[in-house]
PDB file of N, CA and C in Angstrom:
ATOM      1  N   MET A   1    -132.614 -26.608 204.962  1.00  0.00           N
ATOM      2  CA  MET A   1    -133.493 -25.318 204.979  1.00  0.00           C
ATOM      3  C   MET A   1    -134.393 -26.053 203.602  1.00  0.00           C
ATOM      4  N   ALA A   2    -134.126 -27.047 203.131  1.00  0.00           N
ATOM      5  CA  ALA A   2    -135.064 -28.108 201.830  1.00  0.00           C
ATOM      6  C   ALA A   2    -136.057 -28.386 202.838  1.00  0.00           C
ATOM      7  N   GLU A   3    -135.777 -29.206 203.776  1.00  0.00           N
ATOM      8  CA  GLU A   3    -136.730 -29.919 204.580  1.00  0.00           C
ATOM      9  C   GLU A   3    -137.544 -28.459 205.252  1.00  0.00           C
ATOM     10  N   TRP A   4    -137.580 -27.577 205.828  1.00  0.00           N
ATOM     11  CA  TRP A   4    -138.072 -27.099 206.484  1.00  0.00           C
ATOM     12  C   TRP A   4    -139.466 -26.325 205.069  1.00  0.00           C
ATOM     13  N   HIS A   5    -138.602 -26.420 204.464  1.00  0.00           N
ATOM     14  CA  HIS A   5    -139.891 -24.985 202.913  1.00  0.00           C
ATOM     15  C   HIS A   5    -140.613 -26.762 202.636  1.00  0.00           C
ATOM     16  N   LEU A   6    -140.293 -27.584 201.921  1.00  0.00           N
ATOM     17  CA  LEU A   6    -140.566 -29.500 202.333  1.00  0.00           C
ATOM     18  C   LEU A   6    -142.334 -28.835 203.035  1.00  0.00           C
ATOM     19  N   ASP A   7    -141.840 -29.296 204.124  1.00  0.00           N
ATOM     20  CA  ASP A   7    -142.626 -29.809 205.325  1.00  0.00           C
ATOM     21  C   ASP A   7    -143.623 -28.462 205.662  1.00  0.00           C
ATOM     22  N   GLY A   8    -142.980 -27.062 205.396  1.00  0.00           N
ATOM     23  CA  GLY A   8    -144.057 -26.140 205.948  1.00  0.00           C
ATOM     24  C   GLY A   8    -144.724 -25.123 205.131  1.00  0.00           C
ATOM     25  N   SER A   9    -144.276 -24.773 204.193  1.00  0.00           N
ATOM     26  CA  SER A   9    -144.131 -24.313 202.859  1.00  0.00           C
ATOM     27  C   SER A   9    -145.525 -24.911 201.784  1.00  0.00           C
ATOM     28  N   GLY A  10    -146.386 -23.478 201.793  1.00  0.00           N
ATOM     29  CA  GLY A  10    -148.000 -24.059 201.549  1.00  0.00           C
ATOM     30  C   GLY A  10    -147.493 -23.808 200.170  1.00  0.00           C
ATOM     31  N   TRP A  11    -146.372 -22.708 199.473  1.00  0.00           N
ATOM     32  CA  TRP A  11    -146.493 -22.862 198.234  1.00  0.00           C
ATOM     33  C   TRP A  11    -145.725 -23.728 197.420  1.00  0.00           C
ATOM     34  N   VAL A  12    -144.926 -25.062 197.993  1.00  0.00           N
ATOM     35  CA  VAL A  12    -144.018 -26.250 197.610  1.00  0.00           C
ATOM     36  C   VAL A  12    -145.367 -26.979 197.304  1.00  0.00           C
ATOM     37  N   GLY A  13    -146.313 -27.345 197.359  1.00  0.00           N
ATOM     38  CA  GLY A  13    -147.525 -27.502 196.404  1.00  0.00           C
ATOM     39  C   GLY A  13    -147.889 -27.115 194.785  1.00  0.00           C
ATOM     40  N   TYR A  14    -147.539 -25.594 194.407  1.00  0.00           N
ATOM     41  CA  TYR A  14    -147.402 -25.491 192.922  1.00  0.00           C
ATOM     42  C   TYR A  14    -146.522 -25.577 191.878  1.00  0.00           C
ATOM     43  N   CYS A  15    -145.736 -26.389 192.644  1.00  0.00           N
ATOM     44  CA  CYS A  15    -144.815 -26.742 191.972  1.00  0.00           C
ATOM     45  C   CYS A  15    -144.583 -27.869 191.701  1.00  0.00           C
ATOM     46  N   SER A  16    -144.063 -28.746 190.295  1.00  0.00           N
ATOM     47  CA  SER A  16    -143.923 -29.703 190.278  1.00  0.00           C
ATOM     48  C   SER A  16    -142.950 -30.735 190.312  1.00  0.00           C
ATOM     49  N   ARG A  17    -141.876 -29.314 190.225  1.00  0.00           N
ATOM     50  CA  ARG A  17    -140.411 -30.242 190.639  1.00  0.00           C
ATOM     51  C   ARG A  17    -139.335 -29.591 191.988  1.00  0.00           C
ATOM     52  N   LEU A  18    -139.413 -29.638 192.328  1.00  0.00           N
ATOM     53  CA  LEU A  18    -137.769 -28.931 193.392  1.00  0.00           C
ATOM     54  C   LEU A  18    -136.972 -28.626 193.506  1.00  0.00           C
ATOM     55  N   TYR A  19    -135.877 -28.605 193.486  1.00  0.00           N
ATOM     56  CA  TYR A  19    -134.213 -28.530 193.380  1.00  0.00           C
ATOM     57  C   TYR A  19    -134.157 -27.489 194.535  1.00  0.00           C
ATOM     58  N   PHE A  20    -133.002 -28.485 195.330  1.00  0.00           N
ATOM     59  CA  PHE A  20    -132.774 -27.980 196.125  1.00  0.00           C
ATOM     60  C   PHE A  20    -130.546 -27.960 196.319  1.00  0.00           C
ATOM     61  N   SER A  21    -130.568 -26.998 195.779  1.00  0.00           N
ATOM     62  CA  SER A  21    -128.783 -27.187 195.757  1.00  0.00           C
ATOM     63  C   SER A  21    -127.820 -27.543 196.649  1.00  0.00           C
ATOM     64  N   GLY A  22    -128.035 -27.969 198.322  1.00  0.00           N
ATOM     65  CA  GLY A  22    -127.866 -28.646 199.201  1.00  0.00           C
ATOM     66  C   GLY A  22    -127.734 -29.718 199.018  1.00  0.00           C
ATOM     67  N   LYS A  23    -128.927 -29.891 199.018  1.00  0.00           N
ATOM     68  CA  LYS A  23    -129.600 -31.679 198.249  1.00  0.00           C
ATOM     69  C   LYS A  23    -128.981 -32.026 197.401  1.00  0.00           C
ATOM     70  N   LEU A  24    -128.408 -31.302 196.467  1.00  0.00           N
ATOM     71  CA  LEU A  24    -127.876 -31.435 194.766  1.00  0.00           C
ATOM     72  C   LEU A  24    -125.923 -31.829 195.513  1.00  0.00           C
ATOM     73  N   GLY A  25    -125.612 -31.297 196.471  1.00  0.00           N
ATOM     74  CA  GLY A  25    -124.215 -31.237 197.206  1.00  0.00           C
ATOM     75  C   GLY A  25    -123.844 -29.880 196.200  1.00  0.00           C
ATOM     76  N   MET A  26    -124.314 -29.098 195.596  1.00  0.00           N
ATOM     77  CA  MET A  26    -124.179 -27.339 195.134  1.00  0.00           C
ATOM     78  C   MET A  26    -123.835 -26.033 195.729  1.00  0.00           C
ATOM     79  N   ALA A  27    -123.668 -25.439 196.226  1.00  0.00           N
ATOM     80  CA  ALA A  27    -124.060 -24.269 195.947  1.00  0.00           C
ATOM     81  C   ALA A  27    -124.162 -23.339 195.095  1.00  0.00           C
ATOM     82  N   LYS A  28    -125.356 -22.638 195.389  1.00  0.00           N
ATOM     83  CA  LYS A  28    -126.219 -21.452 194.403  1.00  0.00           C
ATOM     84  C   LYS A  28    -124.280 -20.103 194.947  1.00  0.00           C
ATOM     85  N   PRO A  29    -124.184 -19.297 194.047  1.00  0.00           N
ATOM     86  CA  PRO A  29    -124.460 -19.141 192.734  1.00  0.00           C
ATOM     87  C   PRO A  29    -123.642 -20.078 191.858  1.00  0.00           C
ATOM     88  N   ASP A  30    -122.690 -21.061 192.250  1.00  0.00           N
ATOM     89  CA  ASP A  30    -122.106 -21.840 190.815  1.00  0.00           C
ATOM     90  C   ASP A  30    -122.720 -21.833 189.790  1.00  0.00           C
ATOM     91  N   PRO A  31    -122.540 -21.865 188.825  1.00  0.00           N
ATOM     92  CA  PRO A  31    -123.327 -21.716 187.293  1.00  0.00           C
ATOM     93  C   PRO A  31    -123.680 -22.919 187.527  1.00  0.00           C
ATOM     94  N   ARG A  32    -122.657 -24.373 187.766  1.00  0.00           N
ATOM     95  CA  ARG A  32    -123.449 -25.896 187.598  1.00  0.00           C
ATOM     96  C   ARG A  32    -125.008 -26.218 188.444  1.00  0.00           C
ATOM     97  N   ILE A  33    -125.448 -25.431 189.150  1.00  0.00           N
ATOM     98  CA  ILE A  33    -126.637 -26.148 189.782  1.00  0.00           C
ATOM     99  C   ILE A  33    -127.632 -25.676 188.527  1.00  0.00           C
ATOM    100  N   PHE A  34    -127.556 -24.315 188.119  1.00  0.00           N
ATOM    101  CA  PHE A  34    -128.409 -23.672 187.331  1.00  0.00           C
ATOM    102  C   PHE A  34    -128.603 -24.640 185.833  1.00  0.00           C
ATOM    103  N   ARG A  35    -127.400 -24.914 185.003  1.00  0.00           N
ATOM    104  CA  ARG A  35    -126.977 -26.084 184.168  1.00  0.00           C
ATOM    105  C   ARG A  35    -127.672 -27.592 184.458  1.00  0.00           C
ATOM    106  N   TYR A  36    -127.455 -27.834 185.517  1.00  0.00           N
ATOM    107  CA  TYR A  36    -127.937 -29.437 186.214  1.00  0.00           C
ATOM    108  C   TYR A  36    -129.427 -29.356 186.013  1.00  0.00           C
ATOM    109  N   VAL A  37    -130.147 -28.076 186.650  1.00  0.00           N
ATOM    110  CA  VAL A  37    -131.847 -28.192 186.911  1.00  0.00           C
ATOM    111  C   VAL A  37    -132.156 -27.954 184.856  1.00  0.00           C
ATOM    112  N   ALA A  38    -131.311 -26.752 184.362  1.00  0.00           N
ATOM    113  CA  ALA A  38    -131.630 -26.901 182.940  1.00  0.00           C
ATOM    114  C   ALA A  38    -131.756 -28.066 182.397  1.00  0.00           C
ATOM    115  N   ALA A  39    -131.026 -29.076 182.730  1.00  0.00           N
ATOM    116  CA  ALA A  39    -130.524 -30.381 181.650  1.00  0.00           C
ATOM    117  C   ALA A  39    -131.488 -31.176 182.532  1.00  0.00           C
ATOM    118  N   GLU A  40    -132.128 -31.272 183.572  1.00  0.00           N
ATOM    119  CA  GLU A  40    -133.407 -32.288 184.025  1.00  0.00           C
ATOM    120  C   GLU A  40    -134.179 -32.071 184.021  1.00  0.00           C
ATOM    121  N   LEU A  41    -134.866 -30.395 183.566  1.00  0.00           N
ATOM    122  CA  LEU A  41    -136.062 -30.079 182.656  1.00  0.00           C
ATOM    123  C   LEU A  41    -136.335 -30.483 181.229  1.00  0.00           C
ATOM    124  N   SER A  42    -135.051 -30.816 180.868  1.00  0.00           N
ATOM    125  CA  SER A  42    -135.302 -30.557 179.176  1.00  0.00           C
ATOM    126  C   SER A  42    -135.346 -29.546 178.369  1.00  0.00           C
ATOM    127  N   ALA A  43    -135.036 -28.317 179.872  1.00  0.00           N
ATOM    128  CA  ALA A  43    -135.497 -27.177 179.292  1.00  0.00           C
ATOM    129  C   ALA A  43    -134.136 -25.846 178.916  1.00  0.00           C
ATOM    130  N   HIS A  44    -134.540 -25.448 178.148  1.00  0.00           N
ATOM    131  CA  HIS A  44    -134.117 -24.375 177.761  1.00  0.00           C
ATOM    132  C   HIS A  44    -133.587 -22.941 178.766  1.00  0.00           C
ATOM    133  N   PRO A  45    -132.940 -22.284 179.632  1.00  0.00           N
ATOM    134  CA  PRO A  45    -132.596 -21.095 180.441  1.00  0.00           C
ATOM    135  C   PRO A  45    -134.006 -20.293 180.723  1.00  0.00           C
ATOM    136  N   GLU A  46    -133.916 -19.484 179.209  1.00  0.00           N
ATOM    137  CA  GLU A  46    -134.729 -18.545 178.713  1.00  0.00           C
ATOM    138  C   GLU A  46    -136.431 -19.476 179.874  1.00  0.00           C
ATOM    139  N   ASP A  47    -136.624 -20.124 179.475  1.00  0.00           N
ATOM    140  CA  ASP A  47    -138.244 -21.031 179.170  1.00  0.00           C
ATOM    141  C   ASP A  47    -137.947 -21.372 181.048  1.00  0.00           C
ATOM    142  N   ILE A  48    -137.244 -20.884 181.696  1.00  0.00           N
ATOM    143  CA  ILE A  48    -137.137 -21.311 183.476  1.00  0.00           C
ATOM    144  C   ILE A  48    -136.983 -19.869 183.929  1.00  0.00           C
ATOM    145  N   VAL A  49    -137.999 -20.209 184.806  1.00  0.00           N
ATOM    146  CA  VAL A  49    -137.571 -19.136 186.281  1.00  0.00           C
ATOM    147  C   VAL A  49    -137.021 -19.248 187.341  1.00  0.00           C
ATOM    148  N   PHE A  50    -136.449 -18.636 187.481  1.00  0.00           N
ATOM    149  CA  PHE A  50    -135.714 -18.829 189.171  1.00  0.00           C
ATOM    150  C   PHE A  50    -135.752 -17.858 189.722  1.00  0.00           C
ATOM    151  N   ILE A  51    -136.324 -18.086 191.275  1.00  0.00           N
ATOM    152  CA  ILE A  51    -136.546 -17.311 192.225  1.00  0.00           C
ATOM    153  C   ILE A  51    -135.415 -16.882 193.716  1.00  0.00           C
ATOM    154  N   ASP A  52    -135.238 -16.406 193.694  1.00  0.00           N
ATOM    155  CA  ASP A  52    -134.348 -16.289 195.458  1.00  0.00           C
ATOM    156  C   ASP A  52    -134.352 -15.178 195.990  1.00  0.00           C
ATOM    157  N   ASP A  53    -133.733 -15.128 196.898  1.00  0.00           N
ATOM    158  CA  ASP A  53    -133.622 -13.539 197.736  1.00  0.00           C
ATOM    159  C   ASP A  53    -132.653 -13.373 197.584  1.00  0.00           C
ATOM    160  N   ASN A  54    -131.975 -13.620 196.928  1.00  0.00           N
ATOM    161  CA  ASN A  54    -130.067 -13.245 197.140  1.00  0.00           C
ATOM    162  C   ASN A  54    -129.933 -12.093 195.622  1.00  0.00           C
ATOM    163  N   ALA A  55    -129.139 -10.986 195.729  1.00  0.00           N
ATOM    164  CA  ALA A  55    -128.785 -11.230 194.520  1.00  0.00           C
ATOM    165  C   ALA A  55    -128.160 -11.582 193.758  1.00  0.00           C
ATOM    166  N   THR A  56    -127.276 -11.940 194.668  1.00  0.00           N
ATOM    167  CA  THR A  56    -125.849 -13.122 193.535  1.00  0.00           C
ATOM    168  C   THR A  56    -126.168 -13.921 193.328  1.00  0.00           C
ATOM    169  N   ASN A  57    -126.805 -14.673 193.358  1.00  0.00           N
ATOM    170  CA  ASN A  57    -127.865 -15.599 192.996  1.00  0.00           C
ATOM    171  C   ASN A  57    -128.974 -15.029 191.315  1.00  0.00           C
ATOM    172  N   ILE A  58    -129.234 -14.686 191.578  1.00  0.00           N
ATOM    173  CA  ILE A  58    -130.142 -13.677 190.496  1.00  0.00           C
ATOM    174  C   ILE A  58    -129.279 -13.327 189.525  1.00  0.00           C
ATOM    175  N   ALA A  59    -128.324 -12.688 189.726  1.00  0.00           N
ATOM    176  CA  ALA A  59    -126.910 -12.233 188.563  1.00  0.00           C
ATOM    177  C   ALA A  59    -126.467 -13.807 188.156  1.00  0.00           C
ATOM    178  N   ALA A  60    -125.952 -14.405 188.942  1.00  0.00           N
ATOM    179  CA  ALA A  60    -125.664 -15.598 188.175  1.00  0.00           C
ATOM    180  C   ALA A  60    -126.684 -16.252 187.288  1.00  0.00           C
ATOM    181  N   ALA A  61    -127.737 -16.444 187.355  1.00  0.00           N
ATOM    182  CA  ALA A  61    -128.686 -17.049 186.884  1.00  0.00           C
ATOM    183  C   ALA A  61    -129.097 -16.125 185.474  1.00  0.00           C
ATOM    184  N   ARG A  62    -129.511 -15.238 185.742  1.00  0.00           N
ATOM    185  CA  ARG A  62    -129.600 -13.755 184.644  1.00  0.00           C
ATOM    186  C   ARG A  62    -128.478 -14.219 183.650  1.00  0.00           C
ATOM    187  N   GLU A  63    -127.699 -14.295 183.839  1.00  0.00           N
ATOM    188  CA  GLU A  63    -125.763 -14.237 183.346  1.00  0.00           C
ATOM    189  C   GLU A  63    -126.063 -15.503 182.068  1.00  0.00           C
ATOM    190  N   LEU A  64    -126.699 -16.518 182.929  1.00  0.00           N
ATOM    191  CA  LEU A  64    -127.281 -18.067 182.179  1.00  0.00           C
ATOM    192  C   LEU A  64    -127.914 -18.330 181.236  1.00  0.00           C
ATOM    193  N   GLY A  65    -129.310 -16.972 181.519  1.00  0.00           N
ATOM    194  CA  GLY A  65    -130.465 -16.797 180.157  1.00  0.00           C
ATOM    195  C   GLY A  65    -132.100 -16.957 180.991  1.00  0.00           C
ATOM    196  N   PHE A  66    -131.573 -17.680 182.047  1.00  0.00           N
ATOM    197  CA  PHE A  66    -132.628 -17.630 182.533  1.00  0.00           C
ATOM    198  C   PHE A  66    -133.120 -16.878 183.571  1.00  0.00           C
ATOM    199  N   ARG A  67    -135.186 -17.058 183.392  1.00  0.00           N
ATOM    200  CA  ARG A  67    -135.651 -15.661 184.006  1.00  0.00           C
ATOM    201  C   ARG A  67    -135.103 -15.728 185.241  1.00  0.00           C
ATOM    202  N   THR A  68    -135.691 -14.142 185.778  1.00  0.00           N
ATOM    203  CA  THR A  68    -135.346 -14.382 186.762  1.00  0.00           C
ATOM    204  C   THR A  68    -136.105 -13.141 187.835  1.00  0.00           C
ATOM    205  N   ILE A  69    -136.746 -13.394 189.424  1.00  0.00           N
ATOM    206  CA  ILE A  69    -137.361 -12.630 190.480  1.00  0.00           C
ATOM    207  C   ILE A  69    -136.740 -13.120 191.757  1.00  0.00           C
ATOM    208  N   LEU A  70    -135.871 -11.140 191.732  1.00  0.00           N
ATOM    209  CA  LEU A  70    -135.329 -11.032 193.518  1.00  0.00           C
ATOM    210  C   LEU A  70    -136.800 -10.735 194.705  1.00  0.00           C
ATOM    211  N   HIS A  71    -137.141 -11.902 194.889  1.00  0.00           N
ATOM    212  CA  HIS A  71    -138.202 -12.224 196.126  1.00  0.00           C
ATOM    213  C   HIS A  71    -137.547 -11.137 197.034  1.00  0.00           C
ATOM    214  N   THR A  72    -138.164 -10.262 197.616  1.00  0.00           N
ATOM    215  CA  THR A  72    -138.299  -9.428 198.954  1.00  0.00           C
ATOM    216  C   THR A  72    -139.534  -9.871 199.508  1.00  0.00           C
ATOM    217  N   SER A  73    -139.976  -9.088 200.622  1.00  0.00           N
ATOM    218  CA  SER A  73    -141.163  -8.991 201.384  1.00  0.00           C
ATOM    219  C   SER A  73    -142.026  -8.347 200.765  1.00  0.00           C
ATOM    220  N   GLN A  74    -141.715  -7.119 199.620  1.00  0.00           N
ATOM    221  CA  GLN A  74    -142.947  -6.403 198.533  1.00  0.00           C
ATOM    222  C   GLN A  74    -142.868  -7.577 198.093  1.00  0.00           C
ATOM    223  N   THR A  75    -142.277  -8.075 197.350  1.00  0.00           N
ATOM    224  CA  THR A  75    -142.512  -8.766 195.694  1.00  0.00           C
ATOM    225  C   THR A  75    -143.676 -10.038 195.553  1.00  0.00           C
ATOM    226  N   ASP A  76    -144.331  -9.087 195.078  1.00  0.00           N
ATOM    227  CA  ASP A  76    -145.380 -10.053 194.516  1.00  0.00           C
ATOM    228  C   ASP A  76    -145.638 -10.994 193.749  1.00  0.00           C
ATOM    229  N   LEU A  77    -145.706 -11.966 193.828  1.00  0.00           N
ATOM    230  CA  LEU A  77    -145.003 -13.053 192.470  1.00  0.00           C
ATOM    231  C   LEU A  77    -146.329 -13.493 191.619  1.00  0.00           C
ATOM    232  N   TYR A  78    -147.427 -13.127 192.700  1.00  0.00           N
ATOM    233  CA  TYR A  78    -148.557 -13.715 190.970  1.00  0.00           C
ATOM    234  C   TYR A  78    -148.204 -12.265 190.053  1.00  0.00           C
ATOM    235  N   PHE A  79    -148.037 -11.716 190.479  1.00  0.00           N
ATOM    236  CA  PHE A  79    -147.747 -10.338 189.630  1.00  0.00           C
ATOM    237  C   PHE A  79    -146.537 -10.349 188.258  1.00  0.00           C
ATOM    238  N   GLU A  80    -145.366 -10.767 189.271  1.00  0.00           N
ATOM    239  CA  GLU A  80    -143.951 -11.046 188.537  1.00  0.00           C
ATOM    240  C   GLU A  80    -144.158 -12.438 187.845  1.00  0.00           C
ATOM    241  N   LEU A  81    -144.869 -13.504 188.377  1.00  0.00           N
ATOM    242  CA  LEU A  81    -145.118 -14.761 187.246  1.00  0.00           C
ATOM    243  C   LEU A  81    -146.504 -14.805 185.628  1.00  0.00           C
ATOM    244  N   SER A  82    -146.550 -13.419 186.316  1.00  0.00           N
ATOM    245  CA  SER A  82    -147.976 -13.175 185.381  1.00  0.00           C
ATOM    246  C   SER A  82    -147.258 -12.373 183.863  1.00  0.00           C
ATOM    247  N   LYS A  83    -146.035 -11.981 183.949  1.00  0.00           N
ATOM    248  CA  LYS A  83    -145.136 -11.219 183.050  1.00  0.00           C
ATOM    249  C   LYS A  83    -145.020 -11.884 181.616  1.00  0.00           C
ATOM    250  N   PRO A  84    -145.088 -11.382 180.743  1.00  0.00           N
ATOM    251  CA  PRO A  84    -144.584 -12.454 179.319  1.00  0.00           C
ATOM    252  C   PRO A  84    -143.257 -12.546 180.152  1.00  0.00           C
TER     253      PRO A  84
END
């Protein structure tokens, strides 16, 4: 899945770093992946926005303090990312 996104998704150009759980040998919703990303970014979870289409993954990230966006076909990411 990571390669498909990296090769064919226009949104990847808007990101300075991308983390794919499979490439890291972890699987969401395991909290280790979220802690790993926060440590790699030297960031507090509340300063990170996690976007996913799986409600279980969203709940795991939110429980650790991440800002989250549940992505559906109706999600307006521009609007969601503009929220304070």
